[in-house]
Each structure stands twice: as structure tokens, then as C-alpha cells.
Amino acid sequence: MSRVAIVTGASRGIGRGTAIRLARDFKAVTLVARSAESLTETADLVRSAGAEPLALSHDLREPEASGAVVKATLKHFGRIDALACIAGAVLQADLFALTDEQWDDGLALKFHSARRLTLSAWDALKASRGSVVITSGTSAYTPKASLAAVGTINAAIVALAKAFADRGIKDGIQVNSILPGSVMTDRRRSMLQGYADTHGLGLDEATEKFAVEIGIARYGEPDDIANAIAFLFAPESHWMTGTALRVDGGESKLV
């Protein structure tokens, strides 16, 4: 069977790593992000890894973008078997500093885009008995005032995925969320630079100090999350649904 996946946020970081990893398991991968230039680079890497890419440049904040992604994928490949919703960098700002517009922007890009995409792809996923993974983050369980929108929106995504999973039991669609910890991406490096500036440290020293502070042996890499998503899309894991899967190197000390 020639399976087809959609990956959002595919221009860099976890999204790019996931698209390349899924090229080993899927015949075709639709790549979605705002940067057409970066998507071209990802498409070349996906092609080299063994799958046919379809690069679609869309701003998923826009309500019509999700339907356009699904329509283009079905027109080009004829089916959808997996949807990985990875797009969505939420502003890292204090609870008392966030404006309504900033809250709305974070919700639009990370929460509503995943909701709309899953709804738009639902009939195709039902036909293929497919799978959805929506990316949250470990801050869903440890919300902080200093990163209020990040933790709140991530928590909402965990609940959203469980709601879709509940409907998916009847419709034959597997839905899970994945909660990455401190993965070394451009966004993480930017956060560490801010940590370094706040504490009067060099970047290398700050990077080492922060890892010790949060209790991890090393930072994650995009491939760590990509491999976990590939597992959730594998036929062997199809009974696993409604799960919030933490992949964080032991950062979250939860029961």
C-alpha cells in the first residue's frame, strides 16, 4: 500500500526532521510551511530519503489554508494516511505582558491550525483508517507565568487530541499528541541565548547550566521526536490512541 503523510512546520527543526524520517515509511509526504525557499530544501531531502514530496507554502493561521492543504494533497496523491501537526511557535512572554492579539496569534498558528487540518482531513483519514499526531510540549504539565501562552496552548492541544481520539474510536482514526522536551532547534538556541543574557553567561556555559538545572543528560534532537512520531504512525502502534506521549529525556518528573 502506498501511504501518504502530511507534515506541517516542515521547513526546519522538528518538522523537517519528521518529514525526512517519514520518507522511509511513506511513499509521499506533503510538506507545509510559510517559507517556500526552506520547503524546497526539505523537499530535496525527502526525495533523497525515498519519498515523493509535495511542497505547499501556506500560512496556517489563515482559516482557508487547512482545507487548501488537504485538497492539494488529495488531488496530487489521492489519499491521506497520516497527519503530523508540528507548526506553531508560540510567543514566549509573561502572563501579564501578553496582549489579546498575541494570545490570538498563538492559538491561530498552533491550536486552530491543527484543529482545522484534522477536521479537513478527517474523511480521508477515515477512508484510510489513518493516524494523527498533534505536537504539544511538556510545558502543558508545568505551566509558568513567564511562558503563559506556551503552557496554556500546549495543554489545550493535549485536550484537543484526546477529544479527536474519542471520535476516532468510532471512525477508525488513531489520534495522539506528542510532548517534546528541550529539543535543540533554532528556537531552543534563541531561548538559551536569552537565558545566557539574563544570567550574564556565555552561550556555551548557559547551555550546559540549563541542562543541569532541568535535570537532563543531553538536549533532544529533532530526530528523537521524529522517530517517536514515526512509531505512532506505524501499524504496530495503531491501538495506541488518546495518549499524550512525553519525549523529554526525563525532564518532566511525573508519575
C-alpha atoms as a PDB file:
ATOM      1  CA  MET A   1       0.000   0.000   0.000  1.00  0.00           C
ATOM      2  CA  SER A   2       1.331   3.471  -0.928  1.00  0.00           C
ATOM      3  CA  ARG A   3       0.841   5.592   2.164  1.00  0.00           C
ATOM      4  CA  VAL A   4       0.767   9.407   2.183  1.00  0.00           C
ATOM      5  CA  ALA A   5       1.617  11.737   5.079  1.00  0.00           C
ATOM      6  CA  ILE A   6       1.172  15.465   5.673  1.00  0.00           C
ATOM      7  CA  VAL A   7       3.724  17.290   7.857  1.00  0.00           C
ATOM      8  CA  THR A   8       3.276  20.919   8.912  1.00  0.00           C
ATOM      9  CA  GLY A   9       6.105  23.110  10.117  1.00  0.00           C
ATOM     10  CA  ALA A  10       8.248  21.184   7.645  1.00  0.00           C
ATOM     11  CA  SER A  11      10.697  23.961   6.788  1.00  0.00           C
ATOM     12  CA  ARG A  12      13.010  23.397   9.769  1.00  0.00           C
ATOM     13  CA  GLY A  13      13.553  21.813  13.174  1.00  0.00           C
ATOM     14  CA  ILE A  14      11.279  19.005  14.320  1.00  0.00           C
ATOM     15  CA  GLY A  15       9.012  19.403  11.297  1.00  0.00           C
ATOM     16  CA  ARG A  16      11.837  18.992   8.814  1.00  0.00           C
ATOM     17  CA  GLY A  17      13.295  16.072  10.765  1.00  0.00           C
ATOM     18  CA  THR A  18       9.907  14.361  10.861  1.00  0.00           C
ATOM     19  CA  ALA A  19       9.312  14.809   7.128  1.00  0.00           C
ATOM     20  CA  ILE A  20      12.685  13.239   6.331  1.00  0.00           C
ATOM     21  CA  ARG A  21      12.108  10.375   8.779  1.00  0.00           C
ATOM     22  CA  LEU A  22       8.638   9.624   7.394  1.00  0.00           C
ATOM     23  CA  ALA A  23      10.081   9.418   3.883  1.00  0.00           C
ATOM     24  CA  ARG A  24      11.379   5.997   4.904  1.00  0.00           C
ATOM     25  CA  ASP A  25       7.869   4.717   5.687  1.00  0.00           C
ATOM     26  CA  PHE A  26       5.610   6.605   3.295  1.00  0.00           C
ATOM     27  CA  LYS A  27       5.547   6.783  -0.483  1.00  0.00           C
ATOM     28  CA  ALA A  28       4.729  10.503  -0.435  1.00  0.00           C
ATOM     29  CA  VAL A  29       4.943  13.398   2.035  1.00  0.00           C
ATOM     30  CA  THR A  30       3.164  16.742   1.756  1.00  0.00           C
ATOM     31  CA  LEU A  31       5.313  19.481   3.291  1.00  0.00           C
ATOM     32  CA  VAL A  32       3.645  22.592   4.677  1.00  0.00           C
ATOM     33  CA  ALA A  33       5.219  25.825   5.956  1.00  0.00           C
ATOM     34  CA  ARG A  34       5.274  29.537   5.220  1.00  0.00           C
ATOM     35  CA  SER A  35       8.792  29.643   3.733  1.00  0.00           C
ATOM     36  CA  ALA A  36       8.763  28.378   0.152  1.00  0.00           C
ATOM     37  CA  GLU A  37      12.556  28.570  -0.039  1.00  0.00           C
ATOM     38  CA  SER A  38      13.098  26.425   3.062  1.00  0.00           C
ATOM     39  CA  LEU A  39      10.457  23.955   1.886  1.00  0.00           C
ATOM     40  CA  THR A  40      12.431  23.452  -1.319  1.00  0.00           C
ATOM     41  CA  GLU A  41      15.415  22.355   0.778  1.00  0.00           C
ATOM     42  CA  THR A  42      13.220  19.968   2.792  1.00  0.00           C
ATOM     43  CA  ALA A  43      11.672  18.578  -0.385  1.00  0.00           C
ATOM     44  CA  ASP A  44      15.119  17.713  -1.750  1.00  0.00           C
ATOM     45  CA  LEU A  45      15.980  15.892   1.473  1.00  0.00           C
ATOM     46  CA  VAL A  46      12.668  13.999   1.475  1.00  0.00           C
ATOM     47  CA  ARG A  47      13.202  12.952  -2.127  1.00  0.00           C
ATOM     48  CA  SER A  48      16.700  11.719  -1.308  1.00  0.00           C
ATOM     49  CA  ALA A  49      15.258   9.742   1.609  1.00  0.00           C
ATOM     50  CA  GLY A  50      12.913   7.861  -0.719  1.00  0.00           C
ATOM     51  CA  ALA A  51       9.542   9.623  -0.861  1.00  0.00           C
ATOM     52  CA  GLU A  52       7.847  11.938  -3.341  1.00  0.00           C
ATOM     53  CA  PRO A  53       7.456  15.422  -1.806  1.00  0.00           C
ATOM     54  CA  LEU A  54       4.710  17.962  -2.373  1.00  0.00           C
ATOM     55  CA  ALA A  55       5.734  21.379  -1.043  1.00  0.00           C
ATOM     56  CA  LEU A  56       2.889  23.747  -0.141  1.00  0.00           C
ATOM     57  CA  SER A  57       3.604  27.254   1.111  1.00  0.00           C
ATOM     58  CA  HIS A  58       0.745  28.361   3.381  1.00  0.00           C
ATOM     59  CA  ASP A  59       0.278  30.468   6.491  1.00  0.00           C
ATOM     60  CA  LEU A  60      -1.753  28.092   8.628  1.00  0.00           C
ATOM     61  CA  ARG A  61      -3.060  30.999  10.687  1.00  0.00           C
ATOM     62  CA  GLU A  62      -5.406  31.648   7.765  1.00  0.00           C
ATOM     63  CA  PRO A  63      -8.659  29.645   8.127  1.00  0.00           C
ATOM     64  CA  GLU A  64      -8.753  28.605   4.466  1.00  0.00           C
ATOM     65  CA  ALA A  65      -5.181  27.230   4.457  1.00  0.00           C
ATOM     66  CA  SER A  66      -6.016  23.890   6.074  1.00  0.00           C
ATOM     67  CA  GLY A  67      -8.647  22.988   3.524  1.00  0.00           C
ATOM     68  CA  ALA A  68      -6.287  24.005   0.728  1.00  0.00           C
ATOM     69  CA  VAL A  69      -3.563  21.689   2.053  1.00  0.00           C
ATOM     70  CA  VAL A  70      -5.922  18.718   2.221  1.00  0.00           C
ATOM     71  CA  LYS A  71      -7.428  19.434  -1.208  1.00  0.00           C
ATOM     72  CA  ALA A  72      -3.993  19.704  -2.846  1.00  0.00           C
ATOM     73  CA  THR A  73      -2.772  16.504  -1.193  1.00  0.00           C
ATOM     74  CA  LEU A  74      -5.806  14.525  -2.314  1.00  0.00           C
ATOM     75  CA  LYS A  75      -5.572  15.939  -5.835  1.00  0.00           C
ATOM     76  CA  HIS A  76      -1.869  15.068  -6.110  1.00  0.00           C
ATOM     77  CA  PHE A  77      -1.704  11.743  -4.244  1.00  0.00           C
ATOM     78  CA  GLY A  78      -5.317  10.565  -3.941  1.00  0.00           C
ATOM     79  CA  ARG A  79      -5.258   9.693  -0.240  1.00  0.00           C
ATOM     80  CA  ILE A  80      -4.102  10.727   3.229  1.00  0.00           C
ATOM     81  CA  ASP A  81      -2.866   8.191   5.776  1.00  0.00           C
ATOM     82  CA  ALA A  82      -1.135  10.340   8.369  1.00  0.00           C
ATOM     83  CA  LEU A  83      -1.213  13.930   9.580  1.00  0.00           C
ATOM     84  CA  ALA A  84       1.610  15.373  11.707  1.00  0.00           C
ATOM     85  CA  CYS A  85       0.682  18.822  13.036  1.00  0.00           C
ATOM     86  CA  ILE A  86       4.012  20.348  14.095  1.00  0.00           C
ATOM     87  CA  ALA A  87       3.706  24.009  13.065  1.00  0.00           C
ATOM     88  CA  GLY A  88       3.351  26.596  15.754  1.00  0.00           C
ATOM     89  CA  ALA A  89       5.956  28.597  17.679  1.00  0.00           C
ATOM     90  CA  VAL A  90       4.027  30.370  20.444  1.00  0.00           C
ATOM     91  CA  LEU A  91       5.393  33.660  21.782  1.00  0.00           C
ATOM     92  CA  GLN A  92       7.463  33.209  24.940  1.00  0.00           C
ATOM     93  CA  ALA A  93       6.208  36.068  27.115  1.00  0.00           C
ATOM     94  CA  ASP A  94       4.955  36.786  30.600  1.00  0.00           C
ATOM     95  CA  LEU A  95       1.311  36.302  31.534  1.00  0.00           C
ATOM     96  CA  PHE A  96       0.917  39.972  32.440  1.00  0.00           C
ATOM     97  CA  ALA A  97       2.619  41.218  29.270  1.00  0.00           C
ATOM     98  CA  LEU A  98       0.685  39.218  26.652  1.00  0.00           C
ATOM     99  CA  THR A  99      -1.872  41.139  24.624  1.00  0.00           C
ATOM    100  CA  ASP A 100      -5.117  39.732  23.246  1.00  0.00           C
ATOM    101  CA  GLU A 101      -3.575  39.855  19.774  1.00  0.00           C
ATOM    102  CA  GLN A 102      -0.589  37.767  20.913  1.00  0.00           C
ATOM    103  CA  TRP A 103      -2.842  35.181  22.516  1.00  0.00           C
ATOM    104  CA  ASP A 104      -4.937  35.020  19.352  1.00  0.00           C
ATOM    105  CA  ASP A 105      -1.839  34.637  17.166  1.00  0.00           C
ATOM    106  CA  GLY A 106      -0.512  31.715  19.219  1.00  0.00           C
ATOM    107  CA  LEU A 107      -3.878  29.989  19.198  1.00  0.00           C
ATOM    108  CA  ALA A 108      -4.313  30.554  15.463  1.00  0.00           C
ATOM    109  CA  LEU A 109      -0.971  29.073  14.459  1.00  0.00           C
ATOM    110  CA  LYS A 110      -0.648  26.136  16.849  1.00  0.00           C
ATOM    111  CA  PHE A 111      -4.108  25.213  18.144  1.00  0.00           C
ATOM    112  CA  HIS A 112      -6.601  26.215  15.460  1.00  0.00           C
ATOM    113  CA  SER A 113      -4.401  25.138  12.538  1.00  0.00           C
ATOM    114  CA  ALA A 114      -4.167  21.625  14.000  1.00  0.00           C
ATOM    115  CA  ARG A 115      -7.895  21.587  14.705  1.00  0.00           C
ATOM    116  CA  ARG A 116      -8.793  22.755  11.206  1.00  0.00           C
ATOM    117  CA  LEU A 117      -6.364  20.404   9.478  1.00  0.00           C
ATOM    118  CA  THR A 118      -7.632  17.402  11.402  1.00  0.00           C
ATOM    119  CA  LEU A 119     -11.233  18.304  10.609  1.00  0.00           C
ATOM    120  CA  SER A 120     -10.424  18.880   6.930  1.00  0.00           C
ATOM    121  CA  ALA A 121      -8.540  15.590   6.619  1.00  0.00           C
ATOM    122  CA  TRP A 122     -10.982  13.531   8.710  1.00  0.00           C
ATOM    123  CA  ASP A 123     -12.947  11.925   5.875  1.00  0.00           C
ATOM    124  CA  ALA A 124      -9.759  10.940   4.031  1.00  0.00           C
ATOM    125  CA  LEU A 125      -8.239   9.572   7.244  1.00  0.00           C
ATOM    126  CA  LYS A 126     -11.445   7.664   7.926  1.00  0.00           C
ATOM    127  CA  ALA A 127     -11.209   6.065   4.486  1.00  0.00           C
ATOM    128  CA  SER A 128      -7.595   5.000   5.080  1.00  0.00           C
ATOM    129  CA  ARG A 129      -8.038   4.226   8.809  1.00  0.00           C
ATOM    130  CA  GLY A 130      -5.222   6.674   9.317  1.00  0.00           C
ATOM    131  CA  SER A 131      -3.455   8.471  12.138  1.00  0.00           C
ATOM    132  CA  VAL A 132      -2.962  11.981  13.525  1.00  0.00           C
ATOM    133  CA  VAL A 133      -0.222  13.319  15.803  1.00  0.00           C
ATOM    134  CA  ILE A 134      -0.533  16.855  17.183  1.00  0.00           C
ATOM    135  CA  THR A 135       2.547  18.423  18.752  1.00  0.00           C
ATOM    136  CA  SER A 136       2.174  19.903  22.212  1.00  0.00           C
ATOM    137  CA  GLY A 137       5.034  20.240  24.714  1.00  0.00           C
ATOM    138  CA  THR A 138       5.959  19.332  28.275  1.00  0.00           C
ATOM    139  CA  SER A 139       5.000  22.834  29.415  1.00  0.00           C
ATOM    140  CA  ALA A 140       1.404  21.580  29.173  1.00  0.00           C
ATOM    141  CA  TYR A 141       2.063  19.913  32.538  1.00  0.00           C
ATOM    142  CA  THR A 142       4.281  22.612  34.049  1.00  0.00           C
ATOM    143  CA  PRO A 143       2.769  25.989  33.112  1.00  0.00           C
ATOM    144  CA  LYS A 144       4.705  29.051  34.199  1.00  0.00           C
ATOM    145  CA  ALA A 145       3.656  32.691  34.372  1.00  0.00           C
ATOM    146  CA  SER A 146       6.768  33.645  32.419  1.00  0.00           C
ATOM    147  CA  LEU A 147       5.697  31.407  29.497  1.00  0.00           C
ATOM    148  CA  ALA A 148       1.951  31.586  29.953  1.00  0.00           C
ATOM    149  CA  ALA A 149       0.734  31.195  26.374  1.00  0.00           C
ATOM    150  CA  VAL A 150       3.125  28.327  25.640  1.00  0.00           C
ATOM    151  CA  GLY A 151       1.949  26.161  28.538  1.00  0.00           C
ATOM    152  CA  THR A 152      -1.725  27.055  28.188  1.00  0.00           C
ATOM    153  CA  ILE A 153      -1.919  26.366  24.447  1.00  0.00           C
ATOM    154  CA  ASN A 154       0.063  23.142  24.818  1.00  0.00           C
ATOM    155  CA  ALA A 155      -2.383  21.968  27.493  1.00  0.00           C
ATOM    156  CA  ALA A 156      -5.297  22.802  25.210  1.00  0.00           C
ATOM    157  CA  ILE A 157      -3.701  20.736  22.427  1.00  0.00           C
ATOM    158  CA  VAL A 158      -3.459  17.674  24.691  1.00  0.00           C
ATOM    159  CA  ALA A 159      -7.183  18.016  25.404  1.00  0.00           C
ATOM    160  CA  LEU A 160      -7.977  18.602  21.723  1.00  0.00           C
ATOM    161  CA  ALA A 161      -6.117  15.453  20.673  1.00  0.00           C
ATOM    162  CA  LYS A 162      -7.995  13.415  23.285  1.00  0.00           C
ATOM    163  CA  ALA A 163     -11.303  14.781  22.004  1.00  0.00           C
ATOM    164  CA  PHE A 164     -10.410  13.809  18.427  1.00  0.00           C
ATOM    165  CA  ALA A 165      -9.240  10.406  19.673  1.00  0.00           C
ATOM    166  CA  ASP A 166     -12.614   9.850  21.312  1.00  0.00           C
ATOM    167  CA  ARG A 167     -14.396  10.406  17.987  1.00  0.00           C
ATOM    168  CA  GLY A 168     -11.680   8.443  16.208  1.00  0.00           C
ATOM    169  CA  ILE A 169     -12.542   5.266  18.110  1.00  0.00           C
ATOM    170  CA  LYS A 170     -15.839   5.159  16.231  1.00  0.00           C
ATOM    171  CA  ASP A 171     -14.368   6.302  12.918  1.00  0.00           C
ATOM    172  CA  GLY A 172     -11.245   4.132  12.953  1.00  0.00           C
ATOM    173  CA  ILE A 173      -8.753   7.012  13.232  1.00  0.00           C
ATOM    174  CA  GLN A 174      -5.850   6.964  15.697  1.00  0.00           C
ATOM    175  CA  VAL A 175      -5.098  10.336  17.343  1.00  0.00           C
ATOM    176  CA  ASN A 176      -2.309  11.127  19.793  1.00  0.00           C
ATOM    177  CA  SER A 177      -0.371  14.158  20.975  1.00  0.00           C
ATOM    178  CA  ILE A 178       3.385  14.276  21.459  1.00  0.00           C
ATOM    179  CA  LEU A 179       5.090  16.428  24.088  1.00  0.00           C
ATOM    180  CA  PRO A 180       8.719  17.218  23.268  1.00  0.00           C
ATOM    181  CA  GLY A 181      11.024  18.478  25.986  1.00  0.00           C
ATOM    182  CA  SER A 182      14.128  20.610  25.389  1.00  0.00           C
ATOM    183  CA  VAL A 183      14.956  19.826  21.773  1.00  0.00           C
ATOM    184  CA  MET A 184      17.897  21.676  20.204  1.00  0.00           C
ATOM    185  CA  THR A 185      16.286  23.690  17.427  1.00  0.00           C
ATOM    186  CA  ASP A 186      16.775  27.297  16.305  1.00  0.00           C
ATOM    187  CA  ARG A 187      14.010  28.281  18.721  1.00  0.00           C
ATOM    188  CA  ARG A 188      15.756  26.488  21.610  1.00  0.00           C
ATOM    189  CA  ARG A 189      19.047  28.190  20.772  1.00  0.00           C
ATOM    190  CA  SER A 190      17.294  31.556  20.843  1.00  0.00           C
ATOM    191  CA  MET A 191      15.804  30.725  24.246  1.00  0.00           C
ATOM    192  CA  LEU A 192      19.225  29.697  25.551  1.00  0.00           C
ATOM    193  CA  GLN A 193      20.720  32.954  24.307  1.00  0.00           C
ATOM    194  CA  GLY A 194      18.100  34.808  26.324  1.00  0.00           C
ATOM    195  CA  TYR A 195      18.916  32.647  29.355  1.00  0.00           C
ATOM    196  CA  ALA A 196      22.596  33.428  28.862  1.00  0.00           C
ATOM    197  CA  ASP A 197      21.955  37.172  28.649  1.00  0.00           C
ATOM    198  CA  THR A 198      19.764  37.125  31.765  1.00  0.00           C
ATOM    199  CA  HIS A 199      22.366  35.256  33.814  1.00  0.00           C
ATOM    200  CA  GLY A 200      25.428  37.021  32.428  1.00  0.00           C
ATOM    201  CA  LEU A 201      26.838  33.847  30.881  1.00  0.00           C
ATOM    202  CA  GLY A 202      28.342  32.834  27.574  1.00  0.00           C
ATOM    203  CA  LEU A 203      26.102  30.738  25.344  1.00  0.00           C
ATOM    204  CA  ASP A 204      28.062  27.501  25.826  1.00  0.00           C
ATOM    205  CA  GLU A 205      28.116  27.916  29.591  1.00  0.00           C
ATOM    206  CA  ALA A 206      24.418  28.766  29.682  1.00  0.00           C
ATOM    207  CA  THR A 207      23.565  25.748  27.532  1.00  0.00           C
ATOM    208  CA  GLU A 208      25.371  23.434  29.927  1.00  0.00           C
ATOM    209  CA  LYS A 209      23.975  25.115  33.045  1.00  0.00           C
ATOM    210  CA  PHE A 210      20.376  24.997  31.827  1.00  0.00           C
ATOM    211  CA  ALA A 211      20.599  21.263  31.072  1.00  0.00           C
ATOM    212  CA  VAL A 212      21.830  20.604  34.612  1.00  0.00           C
ATOM    213  CA  GLU A 213      19.130  22.861  36.046  1.00  0.00           C
ATOM    214  CA  ILE A 214      16.287  20.970  34.357  1.00  0.00           C
ATOM    215  CA  GLY A 215      17.839  17.566  35.037  1.00  0.00           C
ATOM    216  CA  ILE A 216      18.647  16.111  31.626  1.00  0.00           C
ATOM    217  CA  ALA A 217      21.795  14.355  30.412  1.00  0.00           C
ATOM    218  CA  ARG A 218      21.549  15.963  26.969  1.00  0.00           C
ATOM    219  CA  TYR A 219      19.269  18.052  24.827  1.00  0.00           C
ATOM    220  CA  GLY A 220      16.974  16.292  22.415  1.00  0.00           C
ATOM    221  CA  GLU A 221      17.489  16.374  18.669  1.00  0.00           C
ATOM    222  CA  PRO A 222      14.737  16.670  16.045  1.00  0.00           C
ATOM    223  CA  ASP A 223      15.334  13.017  15.168  1.00  0.00           C
ATOM    224  CA  ASP A 224      14.355  11.977  18.710  1.00  0.00           C
ATOM    225  CA  ILE A 225      10.883  13.404  18.158  1.00  0.00           C
ATOM    226  CA  ALA A 226      10.714  12.328  14.510  1.00  0.00           C
ATOM    227  CA  ASN A 227      11.359   8.711  15.467  1.00  0.00           C
ATOM    228  CA  ALA A 228       8.623   8.837  18.112  1.00  0.00           C
ATOM    229  CA  ILE A 229       6.150  10.245  15.578  1.00  0.00           C
ATOM    230  CA  ALA A 230       7.140   7.530  13.090  1.00  0.00           C
ATOM    231  CA  PHE A 231       6.389   4.955  15.805  1.00  0.00           C
ATOM    232  CA  LEU A 232       2.943   6.461  16.396  1.00  0.00           C
ATOM    233  CA  PHE A 233       2.251   6.190  12.669  1.00  0.00           C
ATOM    234  CA  ALA A 234       3.465   2.582  12.417  1.00  0.00           C
ATOM    235  CA  PRO A 235       0.789  -0.117  12.069  1.00  0.00           C
ATOM    236  CA  GLU A 236       2.152  -1.833  15.186  1.00  0.00           C
ATOM    237  CA  SER A 237       1.078   1.111  17.382  1.00  0.00           C
ATOM    238  CA  HIS A 238      -2.406   1.596  15.957  1.00  0.00           C
ATOM    239  CA  TRP A 239      -4.172   0.522  19.176  1.00  0.00           C
ATOM    240  CA  MET A 240      -2.399   3.365  20.975  1.00  0.00           C
ATOM    241  CA  THR A 241      -4.795   6.324  20.833  1.00  0.00           C
ATOM    242  CA  GLY A 242      -5.735   9.256  23.051  1.00  0.00           C
ATOM    243  CA  THR A 243      -2.212   9.221  24.501  1.00  0.00           C
ATOM    244  CA  ALA A 244      -0.085  12.252  25.367  1.00  0.00           C
ATOM    245  CA  LEU A 245       3.414  10.904  24.753  1.00  0.00           C
ATOM    246  CA  ARG A 246       6.235  12.740  26.554  1.00  0.00           C
ATOM    247  CA  VAL A 247       9.657  12.572  24.890  1.00  0.00           C
ATOM    248  CA  ASP A 248      11.855  14.749  27.064  1.00  0.00           C
ATOM    249  CA  GLY A 249      14.961  12.928  28.327  1.00  0.00           C
ATOM    250  CA  GLY A 250      13.476  12.684  31.821  1.00  0.00           C
ATOM    251  CA  GLU A 251      12.942  16.440  32.206  1.00  0.00           C
ATOM    252  CA  SER A 252       9.370  16.021  33.464  1.00  0.00           C
ATOM    253  CA  LYS A 253       9.345  14.214  36.800  1.00  0.00           C
ATOM    254  CA  LEU A 254       5.768  12.939  36.508  1.00  0.00           C
ATOM    255  CA  VAL A 255       4.221   9.718  37.782  1.00  0.00           C
END
